[in-house]
Amino acid sequence: MTAAQDGGLMALVVQIAPIVAIFILFYFLMIRPQQKRMKAHQALIAGVKRGDEVVLSNGMVGKVTRVEDAEAMVEISQGVNVRVVKAMIAEVRNRTAIAANDKG
């Protein structure tokens, strides 16, 4: 009788093991990389400052003129400023650096 119960337990483990393996595979191939990208994007957004050249998620390129908590003012053309949500900043191209004539 115990041999039948052991076989039943082993059959249950064999049936559940592939499902557990699929969840582990999903975690390492999909969930974990997405979390890394999200953390990197949040760090990028937190580091945006005045003078940075940014690319917005819709493809527009502009220069940051003012930064607030959740929004930034971006100059997309001379004299044309738009207020954007910081989460919509896709990329920071040129970070503000020390001007060439200010280097010591």
PDB file of N, CA and C in Angstrom:
ATOM      1  N   MET A   1       0.817  -1.191   0.000  1.00  0.00           N
ATOM      2  CA  MET A   1       0.000   0.000   0.000  1.00  0.00           C
ATOM      3  C   MET A   1       0.864   1.258   0.000  1.00  0.00           C
ATOM      4  N   THR A   2       1.946   1.261   0.734  1.00  0.00           N
ATOM      5  CA  THR A   2       2.805   2.443   0.747  1.00  0.00           C
ATOM      6  C   THR A   2       3.506   2.641  -0.586  1.00  0.00           C
ATOM      7  N   ALA A   3       3.769   1.569  -1.307  1.00  0.00           N
ATOM      8  CA  ALA A   3       4.406   1.699  -2.623  1.00  0.00           C
ATOM      9  C   ALA A   3       3.491   2.440  -3.584  1.00  0.00           C
ATOM     10  N   ALA A   4       2.193   2.205  -3.495  1.00  0.00           N
ATOM     11  CA  ALA A   4       1.232   2.910  -4.348  1.00  0.00           C
ATOM     12  C   ALA A   4       1.165   4.389  -3.975  1.00  0.00           C
ATOM     13  N   GLN A   5       1.262   4.678  -2.687  1.00  0.00           N
ATOM     14  CA  GLN A   5       1.226   6.080  -2.257  1.00  0.00           C
ATOM     15  C   GLN A   5       2.497   6.809  -2.692  1.00  0.00           C
ATOM     16  N   ASP A   6       3.631   6.121  -2.608  1.00  0.00           N
ATOM     17  CA  ASP A   6       4.881   6.735  -3.052  1.00  0.00           C
ATOM     18  C   ASP A   6       4.853   7.003  -4.552  1.00  0.00           C
ATOM     19  N   GLY A   7       4.291   6.078  -5.312  1.00  0.00           N
ATOM     20  CA  GLY A   7       4.160   6.283  -6.747  1.00  0.00           C
ATOM     21  C   GLY A   7       3.232   7.445  -7.057  1.00  0.00           C
ATOM     22  N   GLY A   8       2.171   7.609  -6.265  1.00  0.00           N
ATOM     23  CA  GLY A   8       1.253   8.730  -6.462  1.00  0.00           C
ATOM     24  C   GLY A   8       1.913  10.055  -6.164  1.00  0.00           C
ATOM     25  N   LEU A   9       2.730  10.085  -5.118  1.00  0.00           N
ATOM     26  CA  LEU A   9       3.452  11.309  -4.763  1.00  0.00           C
ATOM     27  C   LEU A   9       4.471  11.654  -5.841  1.00  0.00           C
ATOM     28  N   MET A  10       5.161  10.622  -6.335  1.00  0.00           N
ATOM     29  CA  MET A  10       6.158  10.852  -7.374  1.00  0.00           C
ATOM     30  C   MET A  10       5.493  11.339  -8.659  1.00  0.00           C
ATOM     31  N   ALA A  11       4.334  10.791  -8.971  1.00  0.00           N
ATOM     32  CA  ALA A  11       3.605  11.233 -10.166  1.00  0.00           C
ATOM     33  C   ALA A  11       3.168  12.684 -10.024  1.00  0.00           C
ATOM     34  N   LEU A  12       2.766  13.069  -8.824  1.00  0.00           N
ATOM     35  CA  LEU A  12       2.364  14.457  -8.575  1.00  0.00           C
ATOM     36  C   LEU A  12       3.548  15.401  -8.745  1.00  0.00           C
ATOM     37  N   VAL A  13       4.708  15.006  -8.238  1.00  0.00           N
ATOM     38  CA  VAL A  13       5.914  15.833  -8.380  1.00  0.00           C
ATOM     39  C   VAL A  13       6.291  15.963  -9.850  1.00  0.00           C
ATOM     40  N   VAL A  14       6.195  14.877 -10.596  1.00  0.00           N
ATOM     41  CA  VAL A  14       6.535  14.903 -12.022  1.00  0.00           C
ATOM     42  C   VAL A  14       5.566  15.810 -12.785  1.00  0.00           C
ATOM     43  N   GLN A  15       4.311  15.876 -12.371  1.00  0.00           N
ATOM     44  CA  GLN A  15       3.347  16.729 -13.049  1.00  0.00           C
ATOM     45  C   GLN A  15       3.545  18.206 -12.703  1.00  0.00           C
ATOM     46  N   ILE A  16       3.918  18.516 -11.488  1.00  0.00           N
ATOM     47  CA  ILE A  16       4.054  19.905 -11.036  1.00  0.00           C
ATOM     48  C   ILE A  16       5.409  20.507 -11.410  1.00  0.00           C
ATOM     49  N   ALA A  17       6.445  19.690 -11.528  1.00  0.00           N
ATOM     50  CA  ALA A  17       7.797  20.182 -11.812  1.00  0.00           C
ATOM     51  C   ALA A  17       7.876  21.030 -13.085  1.00  0.00           C
ATOM     52  N   PRO A  18       7.268  20.658 -14.206  1.00  0.00           N
ATOM     53  CA  PRO A  18       7.357  21.513 -15.401  1.00  0.00           C
ATOM     54  C   PRO A  18       6.705  22.887 -15.206  1.00  0.00           C
ATOM     55  N   ILE A  19       5.621  22.941 -14.462  1.00  0.00           N
ATOM     56  CA  ILE A  19       4.954  24.225 -14.213  1.00  0.00           C
ATOM     57  C   ILE A  19       5.857  25.128 -13.392  1.00  0.00           C
ATOM     58  N   VAL A  20       6.480  24.575 -12.372  1.00  0.00           N
ATOM     59  CA  VAL A  20       7.409  25.355 -11.542  1.00  0.00           C
ATOM     60  C   VAL A  20       8.599  25.816 -12.390  1.00  0.00           C
ATOM     61  N   ALA A  21       9.110  24.938 -13.245  1.00  0.00           N
ATOM     62  CA  ALA A  21      10.233  25.302 -14.114  1.00  0.00           C
ATOM     63  C   ALA A  21       9.850  26.435 -15.061  1.00  0.00           C
ATOM     64  N   ILE A  22       8.631  26.429 -15.578  1.00  0.00           N
ATOM     65  CA  ILE A  22       8.182  27.505 -16.474  1.00  0.00           C
ATOM     66  C   ILE A  22       8.128  28.835 -15.738  1.00  0.00           C
ATOM     67  N   PHE A  23       7.619  28.847 -14.497  1.00  0.00           N
ATOM     68  CA  PHE A  23       7.586  30.085 -13.727  1.00  0.00           C
ATOM     69  C   PHE A  23       8.987  30.609 -13.437  1.00  0.00           C
ATOM     70  N   ILE A  24       9.917  29.719 -13.130  1.00  0.00           N
ATOM     71  CA  ILE A  24      11.303  30.135 -12.889  1.00  0.00           C
ATOM     72  C   ILE A  24      11.906  30.702 -14.168  1.00  0.00           C
ATOM     73  N   LEU A  25      11.649  30.059 -15.292  1.00  0.00           N
ATOM     74  CA  LEU A  25      12.153  30.542 -16.573  1.00  0.00           C
ATOM     75  C   LEU A  25      11.584  31.910 -16.926  1.00  0.00           C
ATOM     76  N   PHE A  26      10.266  32.098 -16.731  1.00  0.00           N
ATOM     77  CA  PHE A  26       9.647  33.404 -16.959  1.00  0.00           C
ATOM     78  C   PHE A  26      10.282  34.479 -16.092  1.00  0.00           C
ATOM     79  N   TYR A  27      10.566  34.142 -14.839  1.00  0.00           N
ATOM     80  CA  TYR A  27      11.150  35.133 -13.942  1.00  0.00           C
ATOM     81  C   TYR A  27      12.496  35.597 -14.472  1.00  0.00           C
ATOM     82  N   PHE A  28      13.365  34.661 -14.839  1.00  0.00           N
ATOM     83  CA  PHE A  28      14.713  35.045 -15.263  1.00  0.00           C
ATOM     84  C   PHE A  28      14.779  35.613 -16.676  1.00  0.00           C
ATOM     85  N   LEU A  29      13.838  35.256 -17.544  1.00  0.00           N
ATOM     86  CA  LEU A  29      13.890  35.750 -18.915  1.00  0.00           C
ATOM     87  C   LEU A  29      13.026  36.979 -19.172  1.00  0.00           C
ATOM     88  N   MET A  30      11.993  37.199 -18.359  1.00  0.00           N
ATOM     89  CA  MET A  30      11.087  38.308 -18.634  1.00  0.00           C
ATOM     90  C   MET A  30      10.960  39.293 -17.472  1.00  0.00           C
ATOM     91  N   ILE A  31      10.657  38.823 -16.312  1.00  0.00           N
ATOM     92  CA  ILE A  31      10.346  39.715 -15.193  1.00  0.00           C
ATOM     93  C   ILE A  31      11.587  40.422 -14.684  1.00  0.00           C
ATOM     94  N   ARG A  32      12.656  39.703 -14.443  1.00  0.00           N
ATOM     95  CA  ARG A  32      13.868  40.308 -13.880  1.00  0.00           C
ATOM     96  C   ARG A  32      14.495  41.354 -14.809  1.00  0.00           C
ATOM     97  N   PRO A  33      14.666  41.085 -16.107  1.00  0.00           N
ATOM     98  CA  PRO A  33      15.210  42.122 -16.995  1.00  0.00           C
ATOM     99  C   PRO A  33      14.321  43.362 -17.080  1.00  0.00           C
ATOM    100  N   GLN A  34      13.008  43.166 -17.053  1.00  0.00           N
ATOM    101  CA  GLN A  34      12.094  44.307 -17.095  1.00  0.00           C
ATOM    102  C   GLN A  34      12.250  45.159 -15.848  1.00  0.00           C
ATOM    103  N   GLN A  35      12.423  44.538 -14.696  1.00  0.00           N
ATOM    104  CA  GLN A  35      12.624  45.287 -13.461  1.00  0.00           C
ATOM    105  C   GLN A  35      13.935  46.063 -13.514  1.00  0.00           C
ATOM    106  N   LYS A  36      14.975  45.479 -14.098  1.00  0.00           N
ATOM    107  CA  LYS A  36      16.257  46.189 -14.233  1.00  0.00           C
ATOM    108  C   LYS A  36      16.106  47.419 -15.127  1.00  0.00           C
ATOM    109  N   ARG A  37      15.400  47.251 -16.266  1.00  0.00           N
ATOM    110  CA  ARG A  37      15.181  48.393 -17.159  1.00  0.00           C
ATOM    111  C   ARG A  37      14.373  49.482 -16.482  1.00  0.00           C
ATOM    112  N   MET A  38      13.372  49.082 -15.699  1.00  0.00           N
ATOM    113  CA  MET A  38      12.533  50.061 -15.004  1.00  0.00           C
ATOM    114  C   MET A  38      13.353  50.842 -13.978  1.00  0.00           C
ATOM    115  N   LYS A  39      14.218  50.169 -13.239  1.00  0.00           N
ATOM    116  CA  LYS A  39      15.068  50.857 -12.265  1.00  0.00           C
ATOM    117  C   LYS A  39      16.044  51.805 -12.955  1.00  0.00           C
ATOM    118  N   ALA A  40      16.602  51.376 -14.086  1.00  0.00           N
ATOM    119  CA  ALA A  40      17.525  52.239 -14.828  1.00  0.00           C
ATOM    120  C   ALA A  40      16.798  53.465 -15.363  1.00  0.00           C
ATOM    121  N   HIS A  41      15.571  53.303 -15.848  1.00  0.00           N
ATOM    122  CA  HIS A  41      14.794  54.436 -16.365  1.00  0.00           C
ATOM    123  C   HIS A  41      14.438  55.392 -15.241  1.00  0.00           C
ATOM    124  N   GLN A  42      14.077  54.873 -14.078  1.00  0.00           N
ATOM    125  CA  GLN A  42      13.758  55.732 -12.940  1.00  0.00           C
ATOM    126  C   GLN A  42      14.986  56.523 -12.496  1.00  0.00           C
ATOM    127  N   ALA A  43      16.155  55.891 -12.521  1.00  0.00           N
ATOM    128  CA  ALA A  43      17.388  56.604 -12.174  1.00  0.00           C
ATOM    129  C   ALA A  43      17.699  57.677 -13.205  1.00  0.00           C
ATOM    130  N   LEU A  44      17.440  57.378 -14.484  1.00  0.00           N
ATOM    131  CA  LEU A  44      17.649  58.353 -15.552  1.00  0.00           C
ATOM    132  C   LEU A  44      16.747  59.565 -15.349  1.00  0.00           C
ATOM    133  N   ILE A  45      15.494  59.319 -15.044  1.00  0.00           N
ATOM    134  CA  ILE A  45      14.535  60.408 -14.838  1.00  0.00           C
ATOM    135  C   ILE A  45      14.897  61.219 -13.602  1.00  0.00           C
ATOM    136  N   ALA A  46      15.315  60.554 -12.550  1.00  0.00           N
ATOM    137  CA  ALA A  46      15.677  61.264 -11.319  1.00  0.00           C
ATOM    138  C   ALA A  46      16.900  62.154 -11.531  1.00  0.00           C
ATOM    139  N   GLY A  47      17.765  61.787 -12.485  1.00  0.00           N
ATOM    140  CA  GLY A  47      18.983  62.548 -12.723  1.00  0.00           C
ATOM    141  C   GLY A  47      18.853  63.660 -13.744  1.00  0.00           C
ATOM    142  N   VAL A  48      17.677  63.856 -14.308  1.00  0.00           N
ATOM    143  CA  VAL A  48      17.486  64.910 -15.310  1.00  0.00           C
ATOM    144  C   VAL A  48      17.618  66.272 -14.649  1.00  0.00           C
ATOM    145  N   LYS A  49      18.385  67.139 -15.289  1.00  0.00           N
ATOM    146  CA  LYS A  49      18.553  68.493 -14.744  1.00  0.00           C
ATOM    147  C   LYS A  49      18.531  69.505 -15.881  1.00  0.00           C
ATOM    148  N   ARG A  50      18.501  70.752 -15.505  1.00  0.00           N
ATOM    149  CA  ARG A  50      18.433  71.851 -16.470  1.00  0.00           C
ATOM    150  C   ARG A  50      19.631  71.796 -17.399  1.00  0.00           C
ATOM    151  N   GLY A  51      19.364  71.932 -18.689  1.00  0.00           N
ATOM    152  CA  GLY A  51      20.435  71.938 -19.685  1.00  0.00           C
ATOM    153  C   GLY A  51      20.623  70.605 -20.394  1.00  0.00           C
ATOM    154  N   ASP A  52      20.043  69.539 -19.878  1.00  0.00           N
ATOM    155  CA  ASP A  52      20.169  68.233 -20.528  1.00  0.00           C
ATOM    156  C   ASP A  52      19.372  68.200 -21.817  1.00  0.00           C
ATOM    157  N   GLU A  53      19.906  67.527 -22.816  1.00  0.00           N
ATOM    158  CA  GLU A  53      19.169  67.311 -24.063  1.00  0.00           C
ATOM    159  C   GLU A  53      18.482  65.958 -23.941  1.00  0.00           C
ATOM    160  N   VAL A  54      17.163  65.951 -24.130  1.00  0.00           N
ATOM    161  CA  VAL A  54      16.382  64.740 -23.921  1.00  0.00           C
ATOM    162  C   VAL A  54      15.597  64.380 -25.169  1.00  0.00           C
ATOM    163  N   VAL A  55      15.266  63.084 -25.271  1.00  0.00           N
ATOM    164  CA  VAL A  55      14.379  62.586 -26.309  1.00  0.00           C
ATOM    165  C   VAL A  55      13.114  62.124 -25.597  1.00  0.00           C
ATOM    166  N   LEU A  56      11.980  62.639 -26.040  1.00  0.00           N
ATOM    167  CA  LEU A  56      10.713  62.250 -25.436  1.00  0.00           C
ATOM    168  C   LEU A  56      10.207  60.969 -26.086  1.00  0.00           C
ATOM    169  N   SER A  57       9.245  60.328 -25.462  1.00  0.00           N
ATOM    170  CA  SER A  57       8.739  59.050 -25.967  1.00  0.00           C
ATOM    171  C   SER A  57       8.063  59.183 -27.329  1.00  0.00           C
ATOM    172  N   ASN A  58       7.638  60.387 -27.699  1.00  0.00           N
ATOM    173  CA  ASN A  58       7.021  60.571 -29.014  1.00  0.00           C
ATOM    174  C   ASN A  58       8.048  60.921 -30.087  1.00  0.00           C
ATOM    175  N   GLY A  59       9.328  60.988 -29.715  1.00  0.00           N
ATOM    176  CA  GLY A  59      10.391  61.233 -30.685  1.00  0.00           C
ATOM    177  C   GLY A  59      10.904  62.655 -30.731  1.00  0.00           C
ATOM    178  N   MET A  60      10.261  63.570 -30.029  1.00  0.00           N
ATOM    179  CA  MET A  60      10.735  64.957 -30.040  1.00  0.00           C
ATOM    180  C   MET A  60      12.016  65.081 -29.220  1.00  0.00           C
ATOM    181  N   VAL A  61      12.896  65.942 -29.701  1.00  0.00           N
ATOM    182  CA  VAL A  61      14.164  66.201 -29.022  1.00  0.00           C
ATOM    183  C   VAL A  61      14.128  67.632 -28.528  1.00  0.00           C
ATOM    184  N   GLY A  62      14.555  67.834 -27.291  1.00  0.00           N
ATOM    185  CA  GLY A  62      14.557  69.180 -26.737  1.00  0.00           C
ATOM    186  C   GLY A  62      15.544  69.322 -25.608  1.00  0.00           C
ATOM    187  N   LYS A  63      15.602  70.533 -25.094  1.00  0.00           N
ATOM    188  CA  LYS A  63      16.530  70.855 -24.017  1.00  0.00           C
ATOM    189  C   LYS A  63      15.721  71.195 -22.768  1.00  0.00           C
ATOM    190  N   VAL A  64      16.089  70.619 -21.652  1.00  0.00           N
ATOM    191  CA  VAL A  64      15.365  70.845 -20.400  1.00  0.00           C
ATOM    192  C   VAL A  64      15.679  72.249 -19.900  1.00  0.00           C
ATOM    193  N   THR A  65      14.624  73.023 -19.632  1.00  0.00           N
ATOM    194  CA  THR A  65      14.816  74.378 -19.119  1.00  0.00           C
ATOM    195  C   THR A  65      14.416  74.505 -17.658  1.00  0.00           C
ATOM    196  N   ARG A  66      13.543  73.608 -17.185  1.00  0.00           N
ATOM    197  CA  ARG A  66      13.128  73.641 -15.779  1.00  0.00           C
ATOM    198  C   ARG A  66      12.708  72.235 -15.370  1.00  0.00           C
ATOM    199  N   VAL A  67      13.029  71.852 -14.136  1.00  0.00           N
ATOM    200  CA  VAL A  67      12.672  70.532 -13.638  1.00  0.00           C
ATOM    201  C   VAL A  67      11.871  70.688 -12.360  1.00  0.00           C
ATOM    202  N   GLU A  68      10.751  69.988 -12.289  1.00  0.00           N
ATOM    203  CA  GLU A  68       9.930  69.956 -11.079  1.00  0.00           C
ATOM    204  C   GLU A  68       9.873  68.510 -10.598  1.00  0.00           C
ATOM    205  N   ASP A  69       9.010  68.222  -9.637  1.00  0.00           N
ATOM    206  CA  ASP A  69       8.927  66.867  -9.090  1.00  0.00           C
ATOM    207  C   ASP A  69       8.535  65.842 -10.147  1.00  0.00           C
ATOM    208  N   ALA A  70       7.393  66.026 -10.777  1.00  0.00           N
ATOM    209  CA  ALA A  70       6.884  65.041 -11.721  1.00  0.00           C
ATOM    210  C   ALA A  70       6.894  65.540 -13.163  1.00  0.00           C
ATOM    211  N   GLU A  71       7.221  66.799 -13.370  1.00  0.00           N
ATOM    212  CA  GLU A  71       7.174  67.383 -14.705  1.00  0.00           C
ATOM    213  C   GLU A  71       8.469  68.131 -15.002  1.00  0.00           C
ATOM    214  N   ALA A  72       8.696  68.358 -16.287  1.00  0.00           N
ATOM    215  CA  ALA A  72       9.847  69.139 -16.725  1.00  0.00           C
ATOM    216  C   ALA A  72       9.404  70.052 -17.861  1.00  0.00           C
ATOM    217  N   MET A  73      10.029  71.196 -17.964  1.00  0.00           N
ATOM    218  CA  MET A  73       9.776  72.112 -19.071  1.00  0.00           C
ATOM    219  C   MET A  73      10.882  71.863 -20.096  1.00  0.00           C
ATOM    220  N   VAL A  74      10.478  71.542 -21.325  1.00  0.00           N
ATOM    221  CA  VAL A  74      11.435  71.207 -22.374  1.00  0.00           C
ATOM    222  C   VAL A  74      11.268  72.190 -23.517  1.00  0.00           C
ATOM    223  N   GLU A  75      12.380  72.791 -23.953  1.00  0.00           N
ATOM    224  CA  GLU A  75      12.364  73.707 -25.091  1.00  0.00           C
ATOM    225  C   GLU A  75      12.594  72.872 -26.348  1.00  0.00           C
ATOM    226  N   ILE A  76      11.554  72.761 -27.192  1.00  0.00           N
ATOM    227  CA  ILE A  76      11.666  71.941 -28.397  1.00  0.00           C
ATOM    228  C   ILE A  76      12.062  72.762 -29.621  1.00  0.00           C
ATOM    229  N   SER A  77      11.940  74.066 -29.523  1.00  0.00           N
ATOM    230  CA  SER A  77      12.360  74.982 -30.563  1.00  0.00           C
ATOM    231  C   SER A  77      12.641  76.305 -29.867  1.00  0.00           C
ATOM    232  N   GLN A  78      13.338  77.200 -30.517  1.00  0.00           N
ATOM    233  CA  GLN A  78      13.677  78.459 -29.870  1.00  0.00           C
ATOM    234  C   GLN A  78      12.401  79.200 -29.486  1.00  0.00           C
ATOM    235  N   GLY A  79      12.216  79.402 -28.187  1.00  0.00           N
ATOM    236  CA  GLY A  79      11.062  80.113 -27.676  1.00  0.00           C
ATOM    237  C   GLY A  79       9.817  79.256 -27.502  1.00  0.00           C
ATOM    238  N   VAL A  80       9.890  77.962 -27.838  1.00  0.00           N
ATOM    239  CA  VAL A  80       8.738  77.070 -27.699  1.00  0.00           C
ATOM    240  C   VAL A  80       9.021  76.075 -26.571  1.00  0.00           C
ATOM    241  N   ASN A  81       8.374  76.277 -25.442  1.00  0.00           N
ATOM    242  CA  ASN A  81       8.552  75.406 -24.290  1.00  0.00           C
ATOM    243  C   ASN A  81       7.297  74.571 -24.088  1.00  0.00           C
ATOM    244  N   VAL A  82       7.484  73.289 -23.809  1.00  0.00           N
ATOM    245  CA  VAL A  82       6.361  72.407 -23.509  1.00  0.00           C
ATOM    246  C   VAL A  82       6.603  71.768 -22.143  1.00  0.00           C
ATOM    247  N   ARG A  83       5.510  71.575 -21.440  1.00  0.00           N
ATOM    248  CA  ARG A  83       5.575  70.922 -20.142  1.00  0.00           C
ATOM    249  C   ARG A  83       5.306  69.436 -20.350  1.00  0.00           C
ATOM    250  N   VAL A  84       6.220  68.584 -19.925  1.00  0.00           N
ATOM    251  CA  VAL A  84       6.073  67.146 -20.131  1.00  0.00           C
ATOM    252  C   VAL A  84       6.181  66.418 -18.799  1.00  0.00           C
ATOM    253  N   VAL A  85       5.530  65.283 -18.734  1.00  0.00           N
ATOM    254  CA  VAL A  85       5.656  64.417 -17.574  1.00  0.00           C
ATOM    255  C   VAL A  85       7.029  63.744 -17.668  1.00  0.00           C
ATOM    256  N   LYS A  86       7.771  63.735 -16.578  1.00  0.00           N
ATOM    257  CA  LYS A  86       9.134  63.211 -16.619  1.00  0.00           C
ATOM    258  C   LYS A  86       9.188  61.740 -17.013  1.00  0.00           C
ATOM    259  N   ALA A  87       8.138  60.994 -16.751  1.00  0.00           N
ATOM    260  CA  ALA A  87       8.134  59.573 -17.109  1.00  0.00           C
ATOM    261  C   ALA A  87       8.146  59.372 -18.620  1.00  0.00           C
ATOM    262  N   MET A  88       7.779  60.403 -19.389  1.00  0.00           N
ATOM    263  CA  MET A  88       7.759  60.300 -20.843  1.00  0.00           C
ATOM    264  C   MET A  88       9.104  60.618 -21.474  1.00  0.00           C
ATOM    265  N   ILE A  89      10.111  60.881 -20.675  1.00  0.00           N
ATOM    266  CA  ILE A  89      11.465  61.081 -21.195  1.00  0.00           C
ATOM    267  C   ILE A  89      12.052  59.706 -21.469  1.00  0.00           C
ATOM    268  N   ALA A  90      12.390  59.446 -22.715  1.00  0.00           N
ATOM    269  CA  ALA A  90      12.881  58.130 -23.106  1.00  0.00           C
ATOM    270  C   ALA A  90      14.399  58.024 -22.994  1.00  0.00           C
ATOM    271  N   GLU A  91      15.093  59.136 -23.223  1.00  0.00           N
ATOM    272  CA  GLU A  91      16.546  59.078 -23.286  1.00  0.00           C
ATOM    273  C   GLU A  91      17.117  60.450 -22.966  1.00  0.00           C
ATOM    274  N   VAL A  92      18.263  60.467 -22.319  1.00  0.00           N
ATOM    275  CA  VAL A  92      19.002  61.706 -22.098  1.00  0.00           C
ATOM    276  C   VAL A  92      20.234  61.617 -22.979  1.00  0.00           C
ATOM    277  N   ARG A  93      20.315  62.501 -23.983  1.00  0.00           N
ATOM    278  CA  ARG A  93      21.427  62.423 -24.940  1.00  0.00           C
ATOM    279  C   ARG A  93      22.689  63.072 -24.416  1.00  0.00           C
ATOM    280  N   ASN A  94      22.631  64.340 -24.128  1.00  0.00           N
ATOM    281  CA  ASN A  94      23.816  65.068 -23.676  1.00  0.00           C
ATOM    282  C   ASN A  94      23.568  65.595 -22.278  1.00  0.00           C
ATOM    283  N   ARG A  95      24.296  65.060 -21.353  1.00  0.00           N
ATOM    284  CA  ARG A  95      24.191  65.565 -19.988  1.00  0.00           C
ATOM    285  C   ARG A  95      24.923  66.897 -19.923  1.00  0.00           C
ATOM    286  N   THR A  96      24.457  67.748 -19.026  1.00  0.00           N
ATOM    287  CA  THR A  96      25.106  69.035 -18.837  1.00  0.00           C
ATOM    288  C   THR A  96      26.522  68.801 -18.312  1.00  0.00           C
ATOM    289  N   ALA A  97      27.478  69.397 -18.968  1.00  0.00           N
ATOM    290  CA  ALA A  97      28.875  69.246 -18.555  1.00  0.00           C
ATOM    291  C   ALA A  97      29.464  70.619 -18.300  1.00  0.00           C
ATOM    292  N   ILE A  98      30.629  70.640 -17.715  1.00  0.00           N
ATOM    293  CA  ILE A  98      31.318  71.907 -17.486  1.00  0.00           C
ATOM    294  C   ILE A  98      31.705  72.489 -18.833  1.00  0.00           C
ATOM    295  N   ALA A  99      31.465  73.772 -19.005  1.00  0.00           N
ATOM    296  CA  ALA A  99      31.802  74.423 -20.265  1.00  0.00           C
ATOM    297  C   ALA A  99      33.314  74.376 -20.482  1.00  0.00           C
ATOM    298  N   ALA A 100      33.727  74.358 -21.759  1.00  0.00           N
ATOM    299  CA  ALA A 100      35.132  74.221 -22.104  1.00  0.00           C
ATOM    300  C   ALA A 100      35.971  75.358 -21.512  1.00  0.00           C
ATOM    301  N   ASN A 101      35.421  76.580 -21.482  1.00  0.00           N
ATOM    302  CA  ASN A 101      36.181  77.710 -20.958  1.00  0.00           C
ATOM    303  C   ASN A 101      36.154  77.762 -19.437  1.00  0.00           C
ATOM    304  N   ASP A 102      35.340  76.937 -18.773  1.00  0.00           N
ATOM    305  CA  ASP A 102      35.281  76.917 -17.315  1.00  0.00           C
ATOM    306  C   ASP A 102      36.201  75.872 -16.705  1.00  0.00           C
ATOM    307  N   LYS A 103      36.814  75.054 -17.521  1.00  0.00           N
ATOM    308  CA  LYS A 103      37.706  74.027 -16.985  1.00  0.00           C
ATOM    309  C   LYS A 103      38.984  74.650 -16.471  1.00  0.00           C
ATOM    310  N   GLY A 104      39.445  74.124 -15.351  1.00  0.00           N
ATOM    311  CA  GLY A 104      40.595  74.727 -14.718  1.00  0.00           C
ATOM    312  C   GLY A 104      41.861  74.130 -15.026  1.00  0.00           C
TER     313      GLY A 104
END
